[in-house]
N, C-alpha and C. Protein backbone atom coordinates (compact mmCIF):
# COMPACT_ATOMS: atom_id res chain seq x y z
N MET A 1 62.27 110.33 151.26
CA MET A 1 61.53 109.16 150.59
C MET A 1 60.58 109.51 149.79
N ASP A 2 59.65 110.54 150.12
CA ASP A 2 58.63 111.18 149.14
C ASP A 2 59.18 111.49 147.86
N GLU A 3 60.44 112.04 147.85
CA GLU A 3 60.87 112.53 146.57
C GLU A 3 61.30 111.12 145.74
N LEU A 4 61.52 110.06 146.46
CA LEU A 4 61.70 108.73 145.64
C LEU A 4 60.61 108.51 144.92
N VAL A 5 59.36 108.29 145.64
CA VAL A 5 58.02 107.96 145.19
C VAL A 5 57.66 109.00 144.28
N GLU A 6 57.88 110.16 144.15
CA GLU A 6 57.54 111.09 143.20
C GLU A 6 58.23 110.76 142.00
N MET A 7 59.69 110.49 142.10
CA MET A 7 60.44 110.38 140.95
C MET A 7 60.03 109.04 140.32
N ARG A 8 59.33 107.98 140.98
CA ARG A 8 59.12 106.85 140.25
C ARG A 8 57.62 107.08 139.62
N GLU A 9 56.94 107.86 140.26
CA GLU A 9 55.65 108.21 139.42
C GLU A 9 55.84 109.03 138.22
N GLN A 10 56.78 109.93 138.34
CA GLN A 10 57.17 110.68 137.02
C GLN A 10 58.08 109.86 135.90
N MET A 11 58.66 108.78 136.53
CA MET A 11 59.24 107.92 135.56
C MET A 11 58.15 106.96 134.69
N ASN A 12 57.14 106.62 135.66
CA ASN A 12 56.12 105.78 135.10
C ASN A 12 55.27 106.54 134.01
N LEU A 13 54.97 107.84 134.42
CA LEU A 13 54.30 108.72 133.49
C LEU A 13 55.03 108.88 132.19
N LEU A 14 56.35 109.11 132.25
CA LEU A 14 57.28 109.45 131.16
C LEU A 14 57.25 108.08 130.19
N LYS A 15 57.33 106.83 131.01
CA LYS A 15 57.34 105.60 130.33
C LYS A 15 55.92 105.32 129.47
N SER A 16 54.90 105.75 130.19
CA SER A 16 53.57 105.54 129.53
C SER A 16 53.40 106.56 128.08
N LYS A 17 53.88 107.74 128.48
CA LYS A 17 53.84 108.58 127.23
C LYS A 17 54.75 108.25 126.09
N LEU A 18 55.93 107.69 126.60
CA LEU A 18 56.72 107.12 125.50
C LEU A 18 56.27 106.11 124.68
N ASP A 19 55.61 105.04 125.51
CA ASP A 19 54.97 103.97 124.86
C ASP A 19 53.68 104.46 124.11
N LYS A 20 53.03 105.37 124.37
CA LYS A 20 51.89 105.91 123.36
C LYS A 20 52.67 106.54 122.38
N GLN A 21 53.74 107.27 122.31
CA GLN A 21 54.31 107.84 121.31
C GLN A 21 54.76 106.82 120.36
N GLU A 22 55.39 105.60 120.77
CA GLU A 22 55.76 104.48 119.94
C GLU A 22 54.69 103.91 119.25
N ILE A 23 53.56 103.79 120.04
CA ILE A 23 52.38 103.17 119.38
C ILE A 23 51.81 104.12 117.99
N VAL A 24 51.88 105.40 118.50
CA VAL A 24 51.41 106.38 117.31
C VAL A 24 52.28 106.15 116.14
N ASN A 25 53.63 106.30 116.49
CA ASN A 25 54.76 106.14 115.33
C ASN A 25 54.47 104.82 114.46
N ASP A 26 54.25 103.69 115.22
CA ASP A 26 54.09 102.52 114.47
C ASP A 26 52.76 102.59 113.76
N ARG A 27 51.74 103.07 114.32
CA ARG A 27 50.60 103.18 113.50
C ARG A 27 50.70 104.06 112.15
N LEU A 28 51.46 105.23 112.36
CA LEU A 28 51.71 106.22 111.35
C LEU A 28 52.53 105.36 110.12
N LEU A 29 53.77 104.75 110.66
CA LEU A 29 54.64 103.99 109.63
C LEU A 29 53.70 102.96 108.92
N ARG A 30 52.81 102.34 109.67
CA ARG A 30 52.16 101.25 108.89
C ARG A 30 51.01 101.93 107.95
N GLU A 31 50.49 103.04 108.42
CA GLU A 31 49.47 103.67 107.26
C GLU A 31 50.29 104.32 106.15
N VAL A 32 51.21 104.79 106.19
CA VAL A 32 52.22 105.46 105.32
C VAL A 32 52.47 104.31 104.39
N THR A 33 53.06 103.18 104.83
CA THR A 33 53.50 101.98 104.23
C THR A 33 52.37 101.52 103.30
N SER A 34 51.27 101.37 103.93
CA SER A 34 50.12 100.91 103.36
C SER A 34 49.76 101.75 102.08
N GLN A 35 49.67 102.99 102.19
CA GLN A 35 49.40 104.01 101.21
C GLN A 35 50.51 103.83 100.05
N ARG A 36 51.51 103.70 100.31
CA ARG A 36 52.76 103.45 99.23
C ARG A 36 52.58 102.15 98.57
N VAL A 37 52.31 101.21 99.32
CA VAL A 37 52.03 99.77 98.69
C VAL A 37 50.80 99.85 97.68
N ARG A 38 49.80 100.53 98.29
CA ARG A 38 48.63 100.66 97.33
C ARG A 38 48.89 101.44 96.19
N ARG A 39 49.87 102.36 96.18
CA ARG A 39 50.13 103.25 95.06
C ARG A 39 50.87 102.12 94.03
N LEU A 40 51.89 101.20 94.56
CA LEU A 40 52.49 100.48 93.57
C LEU A 40 51.57 99.42 93.05
N ASN A 41 50.61 98.98 93.86
CA ASN A 41 49.75 98.04 93.19
C ASN A 41 48.75 98.51 92.17
N ARG A 42 48.60 99.97 92.18
CA ARG A 42 48.00 100.54 91.19
C ARG A 42 48.55 100.20 89.56
N ASN A 43 50.00 100.08 89.74
CA ASN A 43 50.52 99.72 88.53
C ASN A 43 50.12 98.49 87.87
N VAL A 44 49.70 97.45 88.74
CA VAL A 44 49.26 96.27 88.24
C VAL A 44 47.92 96.42 87.46
N TRP A 45 47.18 97.26 87.95
CA TRP A 45 45.82 97.60 87.35
C TRP A 45 46.01 98.19 86.05
N GLN A 46 47.09 99.29 86.01
CA GLN A 46 47.31 100.05 85.02
C GLN A 46 47.72 99.16 84.01
N GLU A 47 48.58 98.41 84.22
CA GLU A 47 49.16 97.32 83.19
C GLU A 47 48.33 96.31 82.75
N GLY A 48 47.27 96.09 83.63
CA GLY A 48 46.26 95.04 83.07
C GLY A 48 45.36 95.83 82.09
N ILE A 49 44.94 97.08 82.20
CA ILE A 49 44.38 97.82 81.45
C ILE A 49 44.95 97.89 80.01
N ALA A 50 46.29 98.31 80.12
CA ALA A 50 47.16 98.29 78.85
C ALA A 50 47.22 96.96 78.21
N CYS A 51 47.42 96.04 78.96
CA CYS A 51 47.52 94.50 78.18
C CYS A 51 46.10 94.24 77.70
N LEU A 52 44.98 94.57 78.22
CA LEU A 52 43.62 94.48 77.61
C LEU A 52 43.28 95.19 76.40
N PHE A 53 43.90 96.51 76.45
CA PHE A 53 43.89 97.35 75.14
C PHE A 53 44.62 96.70 74.11
N VAL A 54 45.88 96.16 74.38
CA VAL A 54 46.67 95.51 73.40
C VAL A 54 45.95 94.22 72.70
N ILE A 55 45.49 93.48 73.76
CA ILE A 55 44.82 92.22 73.39
C ILE A 55 43.48 92.49 72.58
N THR A 56 42.78 93.44 72.75
CA THR A 56 41.55 93.76 71.96
C THR A 56 41.98 94.72 70.81
N PHE A 57 42.18 95.92 71.02
CA PHE A 57 42.40 97.00 69.96
C PHE A 57 43.66 96.54 69.25
N GLY A 58 44.71 96.25 69.76
CA GLY A 58 45.98 95.77 69.10
C GLY A 58 45.97 94.68 68.20
N SER A 59 45.32 93.86 68.80
CA SER A 59 45.09 92.43 68.02
C SER A 59 44.12 92.84 66.63
N TYR A 60 43.17 93.64 66.80
CA TYR A 60 42.31 94.08 65.76
C TYR A 60 43.02 95.09 64.59
N SER A 61 44.11 95.84 65.32
CA SER A 61 44.75 96.74 64.41
C SER A 61 45.86 95.80 63.74
N PHE A 62 46.55 94.88 64.42
CA PHE A 62 47.61 94.05 63.81
C PHE A 62 46.95 93.50 62.58
N LEU A 63 45.78 92.90 62.73
CA LEU A 63 45.17 92.05 61.67
C LEU A 63 44.71 92.94 60.46
N GLN A 64 44.21 94.14 60.72
CA GLN A 64 43.87 95.21 59.73
C GLN A 64 45.36 95.61 58.98
N LEU A 65 46.33 95.52 59.68
CA LEU A 65 47.66 96.01 59.08
C LEU A 65 48.15 94.93 58.27
N GLY A 66 47.58 93.66 58.25
CA GLY A 66 48.09 92.43 57.54
C GLY A 66 49.06 91.46 58.15
N CYS A 67 49.04 91.81 59.56
CA CYS A 67 49.88 90.63 60.36
C CYS A 67 49.25 89.30 60.17
N SER A 68 50.11 88.38 60.59
CA SER A 68 49.58 86.99 60.55
C SER A 68 48.86 86.60 62.03
N TRP A 69 48.17 85.50 61.77
CA TRP A 69 47.57 85.11 63.17
C TRP A 69 48.57 84.69 64.11
N TRP A 70 49.71 84.07 63.88
CA TRP A 70 50.76 83.46 64.39
C TRP A 70 51.24 84.83 65.38
N PHE A 71 51.52 85.98 64.68
CA PHE A 71 51.97 87.07 65.38
C PHE A 71 50.99 87.69 66.37
N VAL A 72 49.70 87.77 65.84
CA VAL A 72 48.55 88.19 66.83
C VAL A 72 48.46 87.07 68.10
N GLY A 73 48.50 85.87 67.86
CA GLY A 73 48.50 84.85 68.89
C GLY A 73 49.50 85.15 69.84
N PHE A 74 50.77 85.20 69.36
CA PHE A 74 52.08 85.36 70.27
C PHE A 74 51.76 86.72 70.98
N THR A 75 51.46 87.74 70.38
CA THR A 75 51.37 88.95 71.14
C THR A 75 50.41 88.73 72.25
N ILE A 76 49.25 88.09 71.97
CA ILE A 76 48.29 88.02 73.14
C ILE A 76 48.89 87.07 74.13
N ALA A 77 49.52 86.11 73.85
CA ALA A 77 50.23 85.21 74.94
C ALA A 77 51.34 85.97 75.67
N TYR A 78 51.97 86.82 75.06
CA TYR A 78 53.14 87.64 75.47
C TYR A 78 52.47 88.82 76.44
N MET A 79 51.50 89.37 76.14
CA MET A 79 50.79 90.35 77.18
C MET A 79 50.15 89.56 78.16
N LEU A 80 49.60 88.54 78.18
CA LEU A 80 49.24 87.80 79.25
C LEU A 80 50.30 87.23 80.25
N PHE A 81 51.42 86.76 79.47
CA PHE A 81 52.50 86.55 80.33
C PHE A 81 53.09 87.70 81.07
N CYS A 82 53.25 88.75 80.50
CA CYS A 82 53.72 89.98 81.11
C CYS A 82 52.85 90.61 82.16
N PHE A 83 51.43 90.39 82.11
CA PHE A 83 50.67 90.86 83.12
C PHE A 83 50.68 89.90 84.40
N LEU A 84 50.83 88.52 84.19
CA LEU A 84 50.89 87.48 85.02
C LEU A 84 52.29 87.82 85.99
N VAL A 85 53.34 87.93 85.19
CA VAL A 85 54.64 88.25 85.76
C VAL A 85 54.65 89.57 86.71
N THR A 86 53.70 90.47 86.42
CA THR A 86 53.62 91.75 87.21
C THR A 86 52.67 91.56 88.57
N ILE A 87 51.47 90.84 88.07
CA ILE A 87 50.38 90.55 89.24
C ILE A 87 50.94 89.63 90.30
N ILE A 88 51.38 88.57 90.11
CA ILE A 88 51.98 87.43 91.01
C ILE A 88 52.91 88.15 92.11
N PRO A 89 53.93 88.71 91.68
CA PRO A 89 54.97 89.31 92.64
C PRO A 89 54.25 90.45 93.56
N HIS A 90 53.56 91.19 92.92
CA HIS A 90 52.67 92.25 93.69
C HIS A 90 51.79 91.62 94.93
N ASN A 91 51.45 90.33 94.67
CA ASN A 91 50.62 89.67 95.74
C ASN A 91 51.42 89.12 96.89
N TRP A 92 52.72 89.32 96.70
CA TRP A 92 53.73 88.82 97.79
C TRP A 92 53.43 89.83 99.07
N ILE A 93 53.03 91.02 98.64
CA ILE A 93 53.13 92.07 99.68
C ILE A 93 51.69 92.09 100.06
N LYS A 94 51.42 91.41 101.45
CA LYS A 94 50.07 91.24 101.89
C LYS A 94 49.65 92.55 102.85
N GLN A 95 48.45 92.97 102.46
CA GLN A 95 47.96 94.11 103.34
C GLN A 95 47.93 93.88 104.96
N ARG A 96 47.69 92.70 105.20
CA ARG A 96 47.31 92.21 106.63
C ARG A 96 48.93 92.16 107.22
N ASP A 97 49.87 91.89 106.51
CA ASP A 97 51.20 92.02 107.04
C ASP A 97 51.58 93.40 107.40
N ILE A 98 51.18 94.25 106.50
CA ILE A 98 51.63 95.72 106.80
C ILE A 98 50.78 96.31 108.00
N ASN A 99 49.45 95.91 108.18
CA ASN A 99 48.82 96.22 109.22
C ASN A 99 48.96 95.62 110.61
N ASN A 100 49.44 94.35 110.71
CA ASN A 100 49.52 93.61 111.94
C ASN A 100 50.69 92.90 111.99
N GLY A 101 51.41 92.63 110.88
CA GLY A 101 52.58 91.93 110.93
C GLY A 101 53.96 92.51 111.29
N ASP A 102 55.07 91.90 110.93
CA ASP A 102 56.23 92.30 111.18
C ASP A 102 56.67 93.09 110.03
N LEU A 103 57.14 94.37 110.22
CA LEU A 103 57.47 95.33 109.08
C LEU A 103 58.81 94.97 108.57
N LEU A 104 59.47 94.24 109.27
CA LEU A 104 60.80 93.94 108.39
C LEU A 104 60.59 92.79 107.25
N THR A 105 59.36 91.94 107.68
CA THR A 105 58.96 90.98 106.63
C THR A 105 58.43 91.65 105.40
N VAL A 106 57.79 92.75 105.80
CA VAL A 106 57.25 93.47 104.60
C VAL A 106 58.35 94.06 103.80
N ALA A 107 59.37 94.57 104.45
CA ALA A 107 60.66 95.31 103.86
C ALA A 107 61.11 94.26 103.09
N LYS A 108 61.22 93.02 103.50
CA LYS A 108 62.01 91.82 102.62
C LYS A 108 61.17 91.64 101.31
N GLN A 109 59.79 91.57 101.61
CA GLN A 109 58.88 91.36 100.42
C GLN A 109 58.97 92.55 99.34
N VAL A 110 59.05 93.71 99.89
CA VAL A 110 59.25 94.84 98.76
C VAL A 110 60.65 94.76 98.35
N ARG A 111 61.72 94.16 98.97
CA ARG A 111 62.94 93.89 98.30
C ARG A 111 62.84 92.87 97.25
N ARG A 112 62.13 92.03 97.50
CA ARG A 112 62.14 90.72 96.67
C ARG A 112 61.45 91.52 95.19
N LEU A 113 60.37 92.27 95.44
CA LEU A 113 59.68 92.83 94.37
C LEU A 113 60.71 93.85 93.48
N LYS A 114 61.20 94.37 94.18
CA LYS A 114 62.34 95.36 93.47
C LYS A 114 63.42 94.62 92.82
N LYS A 115 63.72 93.53 93.31
CA LYS A 115 64.78 92.68 92.65
C LYS A 115 64.02 92.16 91.15
N LEU A 116 62.86 91.78 91.36
CA LEU A 116 62.09 91.25 90.13
C LEU A 116 61.89 92.39 89.06
N TYR A 117 61.73 93.47 89.71
CA TYR A 117 61.64 94.62 88.61
C TYR A 117 63.12 94.88 88.15
N HIS A 118 64.03 94.68 88.67
CA HIS A 118 65.42 94.80 88.26
C HIS A 118 65.73 93.78 87.20
N ASN A 119 65.38 92.59 87.46
CA ASN A 119 65.46 91.42 86.69
C ASN A 119 64.75 91.55 85.42
N TRP A 120 63.44 92.15 85.47
CA TRP A 120 62.63 92.14 84.48
C TRP A 120 63.14 92.92 83.14
N LYS A 121 64.19 93.81 83.61
CA LYS A 121 64.82 94.50 82.48
C LYS A 121 65.53 93.61 81.68
N ARG A 122 66.05 92.61 82.17
CA ARG A 122 67.05 91.48 81.48
C ARG A 122 66.28 90.76 80.73
N PHE A 123 64.77 90.47 80.84
CA PHE A 123 64.16 89.82 80.07
C PHE A 123 63.17 90.84 78.99
N GLY A 124 62.82 91.99 79.63
CA GLY A 124 61.82 92.61 78.81
C GLY A 124 62.42 93.31 77.62
N TRP A 125 63.56 93.99 77.54
CA TRP A 125 64.16 94.40 76.45
C TRP A 125 64.58 93.51 75.42
N PRO A 126 65.43 92.35 75.97
CA PRO A 126 65.76 91.49 74.89
C PRO A 126 64.42 90.83 74.12
N SER A 127 63.27 90.78 74.92
CA SER A 127 62.16 89.90 74.26
C SER A 127 61.38 91.05 73.35
N VAL A 128 61.29 92.44 73.76
CA VAL A 128 60.69 93.29 73.07
C VAL A 128 61.47 93.58 71.48
N ILE A 129 62.65 93.55 71.55
CA ILE A 129 63.46 93.89 70.20
C ILE A 129 63.12 92.80 69.29
N PRO A 130 62.98 91.45 69.45
CA PRO A 130 62.69 90.39 68.37
C PRO A 130 61.22 90.71 68.10
N TRP A 131 60.29 90.90 69.13
CA TRP A 131 58.91 91.23 68.85
C TRP A 131 58.88 92.45 67.70
N LEU A 132 59.49 93.42 68.01
CA LEU A 132 59.40 94.59 67.08
C LEU A 132 59.86 94.32 65.75
N GLY A 133 61.09 93.31 65.84
CA GLY A 133 61.43 92.91 64.43
C GLY A 133 60.49 92.15 63.65
N TRP A 134 59.89 91.24 64.45
CA TRP A 134 58.84 90.33 63.76
C TRP A 134 57.67 91.12 63.30
N PHE A 135 57.30 92.39 64.17
CA PHE A 135 56.22 93.09 63.67
C PHE A 135 56.63 94.06 62.59
N PHE A 136 57.69 94.38 62.52
CA PHE A 136 58.34 95.21 61.09
C PHE A 136 58.28 94.26 60.01
N GLY A 137 58.95 92.99 60.31
CA GLY A 137 58.87 92.16 59.13
C GLY A 137 57.44 91.73 58.69
N GLU A 138 56.42 91.66 59.44
CA GLU A 138 54.99 91.37 59.14
C GLU A 138 54.53 92.51 58.30
N ILE A 139 54.87 93.80 58.84
CA ILE A 139 54.23 94.91 58.10
C ILE A 139 55.05 94.89 56.48
N TYR A 140 56.23 94.62 56.70
CA TYR A 140 56.96 94.72 55.17
C TYR A 140 56.47 93.82 54.34
N PHE A 141 56.33 92.59 54.78
CA PHE A 141 55.86 91.62 53.70
C PHE A 141 54.29 91.76 53.47
N ALA A 142 53.52 92.27 54.30
CA ALA A 142 52.06 92.54 53.99
C ALA A 142 51.91 93.69 53.15
N HIS A 143 52.90 94.71 53.02
CA HIS A 143 52.62 95.63 52.20
C HIS A 143 54.02 95.97 51.26
N ALA A 144 54.50 94.91 50.67
CA ALA A 144 55.81 94.91 49.99
C ALA A 144 55.70 95.66 48.74
N GLY A 145 54.35 95.78 48.18
CA GLY A 145 54.19 96.32 46.91
C GLY A 145 54.20 97.96 47.18
N ASN A 146 53.93 98.48 48.20
CA ASN A 146 53.76 99.75 48.63
C ASN A 146 54.80 100.54 49.48
N THR A 147 56.00 100.77 48.99
CA THR A 147 57.24 101.04 49.89
C THR A 147 56.81 102.25 50.72
N LEU A 148 56.21 103.30 50.25
CA LEU A 148 55.91 104.52 50.97
C LEU A 148 55.03 104.18 52.19
N LEU A 149 53.71 103.33 51.91
CA LEU A 149 53.02 103.04 52.99
C LEU A 149 53.81 102.12 54.09
N THR A 150 54.59 101.12 53.82
CA THR A 150 55.47 100.40 54.59
C THR A 150 56.33 101.23 55.44
N ILE A 151 57.15 102.27 54.72
CA ILE A 151 57.97 103.05 55.51
C ILE A 151 57.11 103.84 56.64
N CYS A 152 55.99 104.52 56.26
CA CYS A 152 54.99 105.40 57.03
C CYS A 152 54.61 104.49 58.21
N ILE A 153 54.23 103.39 57.97
CA ILE A 153 53.69 102.51 59.06
C ILE A 153 54.77 102.23 60.08
N ILE A 154 55.97 101.66 59.46
CA ILE A 154 57.13 101.38 60.40
C ILE A 154 57.73 102.54 61.06
N ALA A 155 57.60 103.57 60.62
CA ALA A 155 58.26 104.78 61.13
C ALA A 155 57.21 105.25 62.41
N SER A 156 56.02 105.39 62.06
CA SER A 156 55.12 105.55 63.12
C SER A 156 55.05 104.65 64.10
N CYS A 157 55.20 103.38 64.04
CA CYS A 157 55.17 102.29 64.98
C CYS A 157 56.48 102.44 65.76
N ALA A 158 57.65 102.66 65.08
CA ALA A 158 58.78 102.96 65.80
C ALA A 158 58.90 103.93 66.75
N ALA A 159 58.20 105.12 66.09
CA ALA A 159 57.95 106.38 67.13
C ALA A 159 57.15 105.93 68.44
N GLY A 160 56.07 105.33 68.07
CA GLY A 160 55.25 104.87 69.13
C GLY A 160 55.96 103.90 70.08
N ALA A 161 56.67 102.97 69.74
CA ALA A 161 57.50 102.18 70.39
C ALA A 161 58.65 103.11 71.40
N LEU A 162 59.29 103.89 70.77
CA LEU A 162 60.19 104.73 71.45
C LEU A 162 59.46 105.50 72.45
N ILE A 163 58.29 106.22 72.34
CA ILE A 163 57.61 107.05 73.25
C ILE A 163 57.10 105.98 74.46
N GLY A 164 56.57 104.98 74.17
CA GLY A 164 56.15 104.06 74.91
C GLY A 164 57.26 103.62 75.86
N GLY A 165 58.52 103.11 75.26
CA GLY A 165 59.50 102.78 75.95
C GLY A 165 59.86 103.71 76.93
N LEU A 166 59.89 105.14 76.66
CA LEU A 166 60.55 106.10 77.47
C LEU A 166 59.32 106.38 78.68
N ILE A 167 58.20 106.26 78.43
CA ILE A 167 57.23 106.36 79.36
C ILE A 167 57.12 105.08 80.37
N GLY A 168 57.50 104.02 79.78
CA GLY A 168 57.80 102.82 80.71
C GLY A 168 59.04 102.88 81.49
N TRP A 169 60.07 103.25 80.93
CA TRP A 169 61.40 103.47 81.72
C TRP A 169 61.03 104.41 82.81
N THR A 170 60.50 105.70 82.45
CA THR A 170 60.21 106.65 83.50
C THR A 170 59.37 106.08 84.71
N ARG A 171 58.31 105.28 84.24
CA ARG A 171 57.53 104.67 85.30
C ARG A 171 58.28 103.68 86.09
N HIS A 172 58.94 102.88 85.45
CA HIS A 172 59.86 101.79 86.03
C HIS A 172 60.79 102.50 87.20
N LYS A 173 61.42 103.60 86.81
CA LYS A 173 62.42 104.34 87.69
C LYS A 173 61.50 104.74 88.82
N LYS A 174 60.31 105.27 88.70
CA LYS A 174 59.47 105.76 89.71
C LYS A 174 58.92 104.83 90.72
N PHE A 175 58.75 103.65 90.16
CA PHE A 175 58.26 102.44 91.10
C PHE A 175 59.46 101.83 91.96
N VAL A 176 60.68 101.89 91.19
CA VAL A 176 61.86 101.47 92.01
C VAL A 176 62.13 102.48 92.95
N SER A 177 62.11 103.70 92.75
CA SER A 177 62.39 104.72 93.85
C SER A 177 61.37 104.66 95.07
N GLU A 178 60.09 104.49 94.55
CA GLU A 178 58.90 104.13 95.66
C GLU A 178 59.49 102.94 96.51
N MET A 179 59.71 101.89 95.94
CA MET A 179 60.25 100.80 96.65
C MET A 179 61.53 100.98 97.58
N ASP A 180 62.26 101.66 97.11
CA ASP A 180 63.48 102.16 97.75
C ASP A 180 63.06 103.13 99.19
N GLU A 181 62.04 103.80 98.92
CA GLU A 181 61.66 104.79 100.05
C GLU A 181 60.86 103.81 101.11
N ILE A 182 60.11 102.78 100.73
CA ILE A 182 59.35 101.95 101.61
C ILE A 182 60.41 101.01 102.45
N ILE A 183 61.36 100.53 101.57
CA ILE A 183 62.37 99.69 102.24
C ILE A 183 63.27 100.53 103.31
N GLN A 184 63.56 101.70 102.88
CA GLN A 184 64.44 102.60 103.79
C GLN A 184 63.60 102.84 105.13
N SER A 185 62.25 103.45 104.87
CA SER A 185 61.47 103.68 106.05
C SER A 185 61.28 102.58 106.95
N LEU A 186 61.12 101.36 106.46
CA LEU A 186 60.74 100.16 107.36
C LEU A 186 62.00 99.61 107.89
N GLU A 187 63.24 99.79 107.47
CA GLU A 187 64.35 99.23 108.00
C GLU A 187 65.08 100.28 109.01
N GLN A 188 64.52 101.45 109.17
CA GLN A 188 65.26 102.34 110.22
C GLN A 188 65.23 101.86 111.56
């Protein structure tokens, strides 16, 4: 009989240790997820700084290059739209849900954000190409008398667009990979 009581005490002790281990694992998972989401949200502020740069310095530069006010106004509106399309979905993932809520709900929110990142490619590339065409047209008509200057400006802007596109594509892949890791860790 004493052995049975002793075995029950050992089972209770093992259960309490297991519960403590689960609590530690849960806390660790929540902390790691929180850090990863914060890293993703830094993208929003980096994009915001880039948008602010384009709105201020870019607008000034476009006007100095001879672009029309229509082009500059459209570019400002486009930058604001892009920033809003980025910031709103990132707000779907709430820090309080990570700290106290259901982690499967957080995984679902991250999955929605990932889907939006994938869908953005369908809008982003097709909208940037006409914008670049409009920009090159503005440069061409503003400097029609000076062919060499026009070619130099268009070539340097095309190179900048290519480099910026490659950087953006690399960052996009990095963020999608980070979202995949978050989803995978939460759904295990």
